[in-house]
PDB file of N, CA and C in Angstrom:
ATOM      1  N   UNK A   1     -32.841-147.627 -82.932  1.00  0.00           N
ATOM      2  CA  UNK A   1     -32.207-146.503 -83.678  1.00  0.00           C
ATOM      3  C   UNK A   1     -31.328-145.680 -82.813  1.00  0.00           C
ATOM      4  N   UNK A   2     -30.175-145.394 -83.338  1.00  0.00           N
ATOM      5  CA  UNK A   2     -29.160-144.532 -82.496  1.00  0.00           C
ATOM      6  C   UNK A   2     -29.396-142.973 -82.907  1.00  0.00           C
ATOM      7  N   UNK A   3     -29.073-142.212 -81.906  1.00  0.00           N
ATOM      8  CA  UNK A   3     -29.101-140.682 -81.987  1.00  0.00           C
ATOM      9  C   UNK A   3     -27.681-140.192 -81.436  1.00  0.00           C
ATOM     10  N   UNK A   4     -27.321-139.277 -82.032  1.00  0.00           N
ATOM     11  CA  UNK A   4     -25.944-138.624 -81.547  1.00  0.00           C
ATOM     12  C   UNK A   4     -26.137-137.139 -81.343  1.00  0.00           C
ATOM     13  N   UNK A   5     -25.891-136.552 -80.227  1.00  0.00           N
ATOM     14  CA  UNK A   5     -25.988-135.138 -80.014  1.00  0.00           C
ATOM     15  C   UNK A   5     -24.690-134.463 -79.770  1.00  0.00           C
ATOM     16  N   UNK A   6     -24.544-133.296 -80.361  1.00  0.00           N
ATOM     17  CA  UNK A   6     -23.244-132.727 -80.212  1.00  0.00           C
ATOM     18  C   UNK A   6     -23.457-131.260 -79.639  1.00  0.00           C
ATOM     19  N   UNK A   7     -22.307-130.793 -79.002  1.00  0.00           N
ATOM     20  CA  UNK A   7     -22.477-129.330 -78.508  1.00  0.00           C
ATOM     21  C   UNK A   7     -23.441-129.111 -77.437  1.00  0.00           C
ATOM     22  N   UNK A   8     -23.573-129.987 -76.597  1.00  0.00           N
ATOM     23  CA  UNK A   8     -24.549-130.006 -75.435  1.00  0.00           C
ATOM     24  C   UNK A   8     -23.676-129.190 -74.303  1.00  0.00           C
ATOM     25  N   UNK A   9     -24.404-128.306 -73.720  1.00  0.00           N
ATOM     26  CA  UNK A   9     -23.971-127.543 -72.618  1.00  0.00           C
ATOM     27  C   UNK A   9     -23.460-128.399 -71.554  1.00  0.00           C
ATOM     28  N   UNK A  10     -22.199-128.282 -71.115  1.00  0.00           N
ATOM     29  CA  UNK A  10     -21.584-129.203 -69.995  1.00  0.00           C
ATOM     30  C   UNK A  10     -22.453-129.054 -68.790  1.00  0.00           C
ATOM     31  N   UNK A  11     -22.987-127.867 -68.343  1.00  0.00           N
ATOM     32  CA  UNK A  11     -23.815-127.691 -67.173  1.00  0.00           C
ATOM     33  C   UNK A  11     -25.074-128.608 -67.399  1.00  0.00           C
ATOM     34  N   UNK A  12     -25.673-128.593 -68.479  1.00  0.00           N
ATOM     35  CA  UNK A  12     -26.993-129.394 -68.766  1.00  0.00           C
ATOM     36  C   UNK A  12     -26.541-130.870 -68.605  1.00  0.00           C
ATOM     37  N   UNK A  13     -25.425-131.294 -69.154  1.00  0.00           N
ATOM     38  CA  UNK A  13     -25.104-132.759 -69.107  1.00  0.00           C
ATOM     39  C   UNK A  13     -24.767-133.089 -67.576  1.00  0.00           C
ATOM     40  N   UNK A  14     -24.184-132.181 -66.885  1.00  0.00           N
ATOM     41  CA  UNK A  14     -23.963-132.457 -65.445  1.00  0.00           C
ATOM     42  C   UNK A  14     -25.282-132.673 -64.806  1.00  0.00           C
ATOM     43  N   UNK A  15     -26.242-131.691 -64.991  1.00  0.00           N
ATOM     44  CA  UNK A  15     -27.631-131.838 -64.347  1.00  0.00           C
ATOM     45  C   UNK A  15     -28.317-133.178 -64.767  1.00  0.00           C
ATOM     46  N   UNK A  16     -28.127-133.498 -66.008  1.00  0.00           N
ATOM     47  CA  UNK A  16     -28.759-134.697 -66.453  1.00  0.00           C
ATOM     48  C   UNK A  16     -28.125-136.027 -65.836  1.00  0.00           C
ATOM     49  N   UNK A  17     -26.841-135.983 -65.658  1.00  0.00           N
ATOM     50  CA  UNK A  17     -26.164-137.063 -64.778  1.00  0.00           C
ATOM     51  C   UNK A  17     -26.590-137.036 -63.506  1.00  0.00           C
ATOM     52  N   UNK A  18     -26.837-135.864 -62.823  1.00  0.00           N
ATOM     53  CA  UNK A  18     -27.227-135.973 -61.410  1.00  0.00           C
ATOM     54  C   UNK A  18     -28.689-136.510 -61.337  1.00  0.00           C
ATOM     55  N   UNK A  19     -29.538-136.092 -62.245  1.00  0.00           N
ATOM     56  CA  UNK A  19     -30.938-136.674 -62.219  1.00  0.00           C
ATOM     57  C   UNK A  19     -30.950-138.128 -62.498  1.00  0.00           C
ATOM     58  N   UNK A  20     -30.129-138.611 -63.385  1.00  0.00           N
ATOM     59  CA  UNK A  20     -30.054-140.077 -63.737  1.00  0.00           C
ATOM     60  C   UNK A  20     -29.557-140.822 -62.519  1.00  0.00           C
ATOM     61  N   UNK A  21     -28.465-140.172 -61.815  1.00  0.00           N
ATOM     62  CA  UNK A  21     -27.957-140.849 -60.625  1.00  0.00           C
ATOM     63  C   UNK A  21     -28.948-140.924 -59.543  1.00  0.00           C
ATOM     64  N   UNK A  22     -29.719-139.884 -59.321  1.00  0.00           N
ATOM     65  CA  UNK A  22     -30.737-139.892 -58.355  1.00  0.00           C
ATOM     66  C   UNK A  22     -31.752-141.050 -58.637  1.00  0.00           C
ATOM     67  N   UNK A  23     -31.985-141.242 -59.884  1.00  0.00           N
ATOM     68  CA  UNK A  23     -33.018-142.381 -60.248  1.00  0.00           C
ATOM     69  C   UNK A  23     -32.369-143.731 -60.459  1.00  0.00           C
ATOM     70  N   UNK A  24     -30.973-143.669 -60.166  1.00  0.00           N
ATOM     71  CA  UNK A  24     -30.266-144.895 -60.294  1.00  0.00           C
ATOM     72  C   UNK A  24     -30.343-145.532 -61.604  1.00  0.00           C
ATOM     73  N   UNK A  25     -30.198-144.760 -62.641  1.00  0.00           N
ATOM     74  CA  UNK A  25     -30.130-145.203 -64.027  1.00  0.00           C
ATOM     75  C   UNK A  25     -29.190-144.547 -64.828  1.00  0.00           C
ATOM     76  N   UNK A  26     -28.797-145.082 -65.899  1.00  0.00           N
ATOM     77  CA  UNK A  26     -27.646-144.407 -66.711  1.00  0.00           C
ATOM     78  C   UNK A  26     -28.178-143.176 -67.361  1.00  0.00           C
ATOM     79  N   UNK A  27     -27.265-142.335 -67.747  1.00  0.00           N
ATOM     80  CA  UNK A  27     -27.527-141.183 -68.508  1.00  0.00           C
ATOM     81  C   UNK A  27     -28.342-141.569 -69.997  1.00  0.00           C
ATOM     82  N   UNK A  28     -27.839-142.614 -70.456  1.00  0.00           N
ATOM     83  CA  UNK A  28     -28.478-143.224 -71.674  1.00  0.00           C
ATOM     84  C   UNK A  28     -30.048-143.570 -71.533  1.00  0.00           C
ATOM     85  N   UNK A  29     -30.204-144.336 -70.437  1.00  0.00           N
ATOM     86  CA  UNK A  29     -31.532-144.788 -70.022  1.00  0.00           C
ATOM     87  C   UNK A  29     -32.449-143.566 -69.783  1.00  0.00           C
ATOM     88  N   UNK A  30     -31.944-142.619 -69.064  1.00  0.00           N
ATOM     89  CA  UNK A  30     -32.738-141.358 -68.699  1.00  0.00           C
ATOM     90  C   UNK A  30     -33.094-140.595 -69.816  1.00  0.00           C
ATOM     91  N   UNK A  31     -32.068-140.410 -70.778  1.00  0.00           N
ATOM     92  CA  UNK A  31     -32.400-139.539 -71.943  1.00  0.00           C
ATOM     93  C   UNK A  31     -33.259-140.422 -72.923  1.00  0.00           C
ATOM     94  N   UNK A  32     -33.152-141.671 -73.025  1.00  0.00           N
ATOM     95  CA  UNK A  32     -34.110-142.458 -73.840  1.00  0.00           C
ATOM     96  C   UNK A  32     -35.464-142.275 -73.386  1.00  0.00           C
ATOM     97  N   UNK A  33     -35.715-142.471 -72.141  1.00  0.00           N
ATOM     98  CA  UNK A  33     -37.121-142.254 -71.473  1.00  0.00           C
ATOM     99  C   UNK A  33     -37.576-140.789 -71.761  1.00  0.00           C
ATOM    100  N   UNK A  34     -36.736-139.786 -71.638  1.00  0.00           N
ATOM    101  CA  UNK A  34     -37.212-138.387 -71.776  1.00  0.00           C
ATOM    102  C   UNK A  34     -37.623-138.156 -73.146  1.00  0.00           C
ATOM    103  N   UNK A  35     -36.756-138.761 -74.192  1.00  0.00           N
ATOM    104  CA  UNK A  35     -37.125-138.512 -75.592  1.00  0.00           C
ATOM    105  C   UNK A  35     -38.387-139.321 -75.948  1.00  0.00           C
ATOM    106  N   UNK A  36     -38.528-140.464 -75.475  1.00  0.00           N
ATOM    107  CA  UNK A  36     -39.835-141.252 -75.772  1.00  0.00           C
ATOM    108  C   UNK A  36     -40.928-140.537 -75.198  1.00  0.00           C
ATOM    109  N   UNK A  37     -40.826-140.053 -74.046  1.00  0.00           N
ATOM    110  CA  UNK A  37     -41.906-139.178 -73.489  1.00  0.00           C
ATOM    111  C   UNK A  37     -42.217-137.929 -74.226  1.00  0.00           C
ATOM    112  N   UNK A  38     -41.317-137.243 -74.702  1.00  0.00           N
ATOM    113  CA  UNK A  38     -41.438-136.069 -75.509  1.00  0.00           C
ATOM    114  C   UNK A  38     -42.204-136.416 -76.860  1.00  0.00           C
ATOM    115  N   UNK A  39     -41.807-137.514 -77.466  1.00  0.00           N
ATOM    116  CA  UNK A  39     -42.381-138.009 -78.675  1.00  0.00           C
ATOM    117  C   UNK A  39     -44.001-138.126 -78.561  1.00  0.00           C
ATOM    118  N   UNK A  40     -44.370-138.586 -77.533  1.00  0.00           N
ATOM    119  CA  UNK A  40     -45.794-138.850 -77.379  1.00  0.00           C
ATOM    120  C   UNK A  40     -46.562-137.787 -76.626  1.00  0.00           C
ATOM    121  N   UNK A  41     -45.841-136.768 -76.107  1.00  0.00           N
ATOM    122  CA  UNK A  41     -46.481-135.610 -75.300  1.00  0.00           C
ATOM    123  C   UNK A  41     -47.444-134.775 -76.205  1.00  0.00           C
ATOM    124  N   UNK A  42     -47.112-134.441 -77.418  1.00  0.00           N
ATOM    125  CA  UNK A  42     -48.040-133.557 -78.303  1.00  0.00           C
ATOM    126  C   UNK A  42     -49.213-134.404 -78.693  1.00  0.00           C
ATOM    127  N   UNK A  43     -49.094-135.540 -78.855  1.00  0.00           N
ATOM    128  CA  UNK A  43     -50.320-136.614 -79.296  1.00  0.00           C
ATOM    129  C   UNK A  43     -51.240-136.572 -77.974  1.00  0.00           C
ATOM    130  N   UNK A  44     -50.764-136.638 -76.889  1.00  0.00           N
ATOM    131  CA  UNK A  44     -51.434-136.627 -75.563  1.00  0.00           C
ATOM    132  C   UNK A  44     -52.195-135.371 -75.352  1.00  0.00           C
ATOM    133  N   UNK A  45     -51.409-134.283 -75.511  1.00  0.00           N
ATOM    134  CA  UNK A  45     -52.058-132.928 -75.489  1.00  0.00           C
ATOM    135  C   UNK A  45     -53.149-132.747 -76.311  1.00  0.00           C
ATOM    136  N   UNK A  46     -53.061-133.237 -77.597  1.00  0.00           N
ATOM    137  CA  UNK A  46     -54.348-133.154 -78.595  1.00  0.00           C
ATOM    138  C   UNK A  46     -55.458-134.029 -78.003  1.00  0.00           C
ATOM    139  N   UNK A  47     -55.228-135.022 -77.473  1.00  0.00           N
ATOM    140  CA  UNK A  47     -56.335-136.043 -76.934  1.00  0.00           C
ATOM    141  C   UNK A  47     -56.870-135.344 -75.791  1.00  0.00           C
ATOM    142  N   UNK A  48     -56.248-134.767 -75.078  1.00  0.00           N
ATOM    143  CA  UNK A  48     -56.859-133.973 -73.798  1.00  0.00           C
ATOM    144  C   UNK A  48     -57.604-132.806 -74.245  1.00  0.00           C
ATOM    145  N   UNK A  49     -57.059-132.036 -75.264  1.00  0.00           N
ATOM    146  CA  UNK A  49     -57.831-130.959 -75.768  1.00  0.00           C
ATOM    147  C   UNK A  49     -59.153-131.443 -76.409  1.00  0.00           C
ATOM    148  N   UNK A  50     -59.165-132.444 -77.126  1.00  0.00           N
ATOM    149  CA  UNK A  50     -60.532-133.107 -77.734  1.00  0.00           C
ATOM    150  C   UNK A  50     -61.356-133.427 -76.570  1.00  0.00           C
ATOM    151  N   UNK A  51     -60.865-134.145 -75.658  1.00  0.00           N
ATOM    152  CA  UNK A  51     -61.859-134.483 -74.508  1.00  0.00           C
ATOM    153  C   UNK A  51     -62.329-133.224 -73.706  1.00  0.00           C
ATOM    154  N   UNK A  52     -61.572-132.209 -73.705  1.00  0.00           N
ATOM    155  CA  UNK A  52     -62.100-130.900 -73.135  1.00  0.00           C
ATOM    156  C   UNK A  52     -63.187-130.385 -73.900  1.00  0.00           C
ATOM    157  N   UNK A  53     -63.034-130.430 -75.115  1.00  0.00           N
ATOM    158  CA  UNK A  53     -64.088-129.841 -76.175  1.00  0.00           C
ATOM    159  C   UNK A  53     -65.331-130.695 -76.007  1.00  0.00           C
ATOM    160  N   UNK A  54     -65.214-131.967 -75.862  1.00  0.00           N
ATOM    161  CA  UNK A  54     -66.262-132.887 -75.816  1.00  0.00           C
ATOM    162  C   UNK A  54     -66.964-132.690 -74.459  1.00  0.00           C
ATOM    163  N   UNK A  55     -66.330-132.603 -73.316  1.00  0.00           N
ATOM    164  CA  UNK A  55     -66.912-132.254 -72.091  1.00  0.00           C
ATOM    165  C   UNK A  55     -67.703-130.815 -72.114  1.00  0.00           C
ATOM    166  N   UNK A  56     -67.005-129.850 -72.697  1.00  0.00           N
ATOM    167  CA  UNK A  56     -67.737-128.518 -72.804  1.00  0.00           C
ATOM    168  C   UNK A  56     -69.026-128.744 -73.593  1.00  0.00           C
ATOM    169  N   UNK A  57     -69.059-129.528 -74.678  1.00  0.00           N
ATOM    170  CA  UNK A  57     -70.280-129.657 -75.345  1.00  0.00           C
ATOM    171  C   UNK A  57     -71.310-130.399 -74.606  1.00  0.00           C
ATOM    172  N   UNK A  58     -70.953-131.297 -73.901  1.00  0.00           N
ATOM    173  CA  UNK A  58     -72.010-132.094 -72.908  1.00  0.00           C
ATOM    174  C   UNK A  58     -72.454-131.211 -71.927  1.00  0.00           C
ATOM    175  N   UNK A  59     -71.692-130.326 -71.235  1.00  0.00           N
ATOM    176  CA  UNK A  59     -72.091-129.338 -70.262  1.00  0.00           C
ATOM    177  C   UNK A  59     -73.087-128.376 -70.952  1.00  0.00           C
ATOM    178  N   UNK A  60     -72.835-127.897 -72.101  1.00  0.00           N
ATOM    179  CA  UNK A  60     -73.763-126.933 -72.783  1.00  0.00           C
ATOM    180  C   UNK A  60     -75.152-127.587 -73.087  1.00  0.00           C
ATOM    181  N   UNK A  61     -74.965-128.909 -73.464  1.00  0.00           N
ATOM    182  CA  UNK A  61     -76.211-129.669 -73.811  1.00  0.00           C
ATOM    183  C   UNK A  61     -77.030-129.857 -72.550  1.00  0.00           C
ATOM    184  N   UNK A  62     -76.444-130.340 -71.373  1.00  0.00           N
ATOM    185  CA  UNK A  62     -77.042-130.438 -70.183  1.00  0.00           C
ATOM    186  C   UNK A  62     -77.763-129.163 -69.700  1.00  0.00           C
ATOM    187  N   UNK A  63     -77.174-128.004 -69.861  1.00  0.00           N
ATOM    188  CA  UNK A  63     -77.670-126.729 -69.545  1.00  0.00           C
ATOM    189  C   UNK A  63     -78.849-126.480 -70.180  1.00  0.00           C
ATOM    190  N   UNK A  64     -78.971-126.682 -71.524  1.00  0.00           N
ATOM    191  CA  UNK A  64     -80.107-126.507 -72.335  1.00  0.00           C
ATOM    192  C   UNK A  64     -81.206-127.491 -71.896  1.00  0.00           C
ATOM    193  N   UNK A  65     -80.839-128.813 -71.583  1.00  0.00           N
ATOM    194  CA  UNK A  65     -81.821-129.635 -71.171  1.00  0.00           C
ATOM    195  C   UNK A  65     -82.477-129.286 -69.730  1.00  0.00           C
ATOM    196  N   UNK A  66     -81.715-128.664 -68.948  1.00  0.00           N
ATOM    197  CA  UNK A  66     -82.226-128.080 -67.552  1.00  0.00           C
ATOM    198  C   UNK A  66     -83.107-127.128 -67.957  1.00  0.00           C
ATOM    199  N   UNK A  67     -82.871-126.142 -68.904  1.00  0.00           N
ATOM    200  CA  UNK A  67     -83.820-124.965 -69.096  1.00  0.00           C
ATOM    201  C   UNK A  67     -85.111-125.528 -69.765  1.00  0.00           C
ATOM    202  N   UNK A  68     -84.909-126.412 -70.664  1.00  0.00           N
ATOM    203  CA  UNK A  68     -86.189-127.006 -71.220  1.00  0.00           C
ATOM    204  C   UNK A  68     -86.980-127.771 -70.259  1.00  0.00           C
ATOM    205  N   UNK A  69     -86.320-128.500 -69.158  1.00  0.00           N
ATOM    206  CA  UNK A  69     -87.181-129.099 -68.199  1.00  0.00           C
ATOM    207  C   UNK A  69     -87.835-128.063 -67.345  1.00  0.00           C
ATOM    208  N   UNK A  70     -87.143-127.039 -66.839  1.00  0.00           N
ATOM    209  CA  UNK A  70     -87.814-125.910 -66.117  1.00  0.00           C
ATOM    210  C   UNK A  70     -88.894-125.254 -66.916  1.00  0.00           C
ATOM    211  N   UNK A  71     -88.795-125.096 -68.106  1.00  0.00           N
ATOM    212  CA  UNK A  71     -89.850-124.633 -69.034  1.00  0.00           C
ATOM    213  C   UNK A  71     -91.069-125.484 -69.004  1.00  0.00           C
ATOM    214  N   UNK A  72     -90.831-126.722 -69.112  1.00  0.00           N
ATOM    215  CA  UNK A  72     -92.054-127.759 -69.187  1.00  0.00           C
ATOM    216  C   UNK A  72     -92.631-127.692 -67.773  1.00  0.00           C
ATOM    217  N   UNK A  73     -91.775-127.712 -66.788  1.00  0.00           N
ATOM    218  CA  UNK A  73     -92.412-127.706 -65.366  1.00  0.00           C
ATOM    219  C   UNK A  73     -93.228-126.473 -65.167  1.00  0.00           C
ATOM    220  N   UNK A  74     -92.779-125.416 -65.604  1.00  0.00           N
ATOM    221  CA  UNK A  74     -93.483-124.106 -65.477  1.00  0.00           C
ATOM    222  C   UNK A  74     -94.942-124.210 -66.208  1.00  0.00           C
ATOM    223  N   UNK A  75     -94.848-124.735 -67.376  1.00  0.00           N
ATOM    224  CA  UNK A  75     -96.021-124.888 -68.119  1.00  0.00           C
ATOM    225  C   UNK A  75     -97.055-125.882 -67.520  1.00  0.00           C
ATOM    226  N   UNK A  76     -96.596-126.920 -66.910  1.00  0.00           N
ATOM    227  CA  UNK A  76     -97.386-127.843 -66.280  1.00  0.00           C
ATOM    228  C   UNK A  76     -97.920-127.357 -64.999  1.00  0.00           C
ATOM    229  N   UNK A  77     -97.207-126.546 -64.217  1.00  0.00           N
ATOM    230  CA  UNK A  77     -97.791-125.827 -63.024  1.00  0.00           C
ATOM    231  C   UNK A  77     -98.885-124.879 -63.429  1.00  0.00           C
ATOM    232  N   UNK A  78     -98.662-124.026 -64.431  1.00  0.00           N
ATOM    233  CA  UNK A  78     -99.691-122.999 -64.833  1.00  0.00           C
ATOM    234  C   UNK A  78    -100.903-123.687 -65.207  1.00  0.00           C
ATOM    235  N   UNK A  79    -100.844-124.951 -65.952  1.00  0.00           N
ATOM    236  CA  UNK A  79    -102.116-125.659 -66.391  1.00  0.00           C
ATOM    237  C   UNK A  79    -102.916-126.237 -65.285  1.00  0.00           C
ATOM    238  N   UNK A  80    -102.370-126.363 -64.043  1.00  0.00           N
ATOM    239  CA  UNK A  80    -103.085-127.022 -63.001  1.00  0.00           C
ATOM    240  C   UNK A  80    -104.084-126.070 -62.438  1.00  0.00           C
TER     241      UNK A  80
END
């Protein structure tokens, strides 16, 4: 699919051209990669956020398990 952009700041175009040249690729190729990266960025952020929530839940569960184990140990020591 083709995209056309108008009214891009000339300074921005110059900077894009410099970056593309450093990478030894065309402006077209550079911008294509940037747009494709941007397209999946939000989805990746959402996956990372879900993973963080899952890790937090596991940490809380492990903390509760540790407290329960300590309580059981204390009970067993008192019974001896």
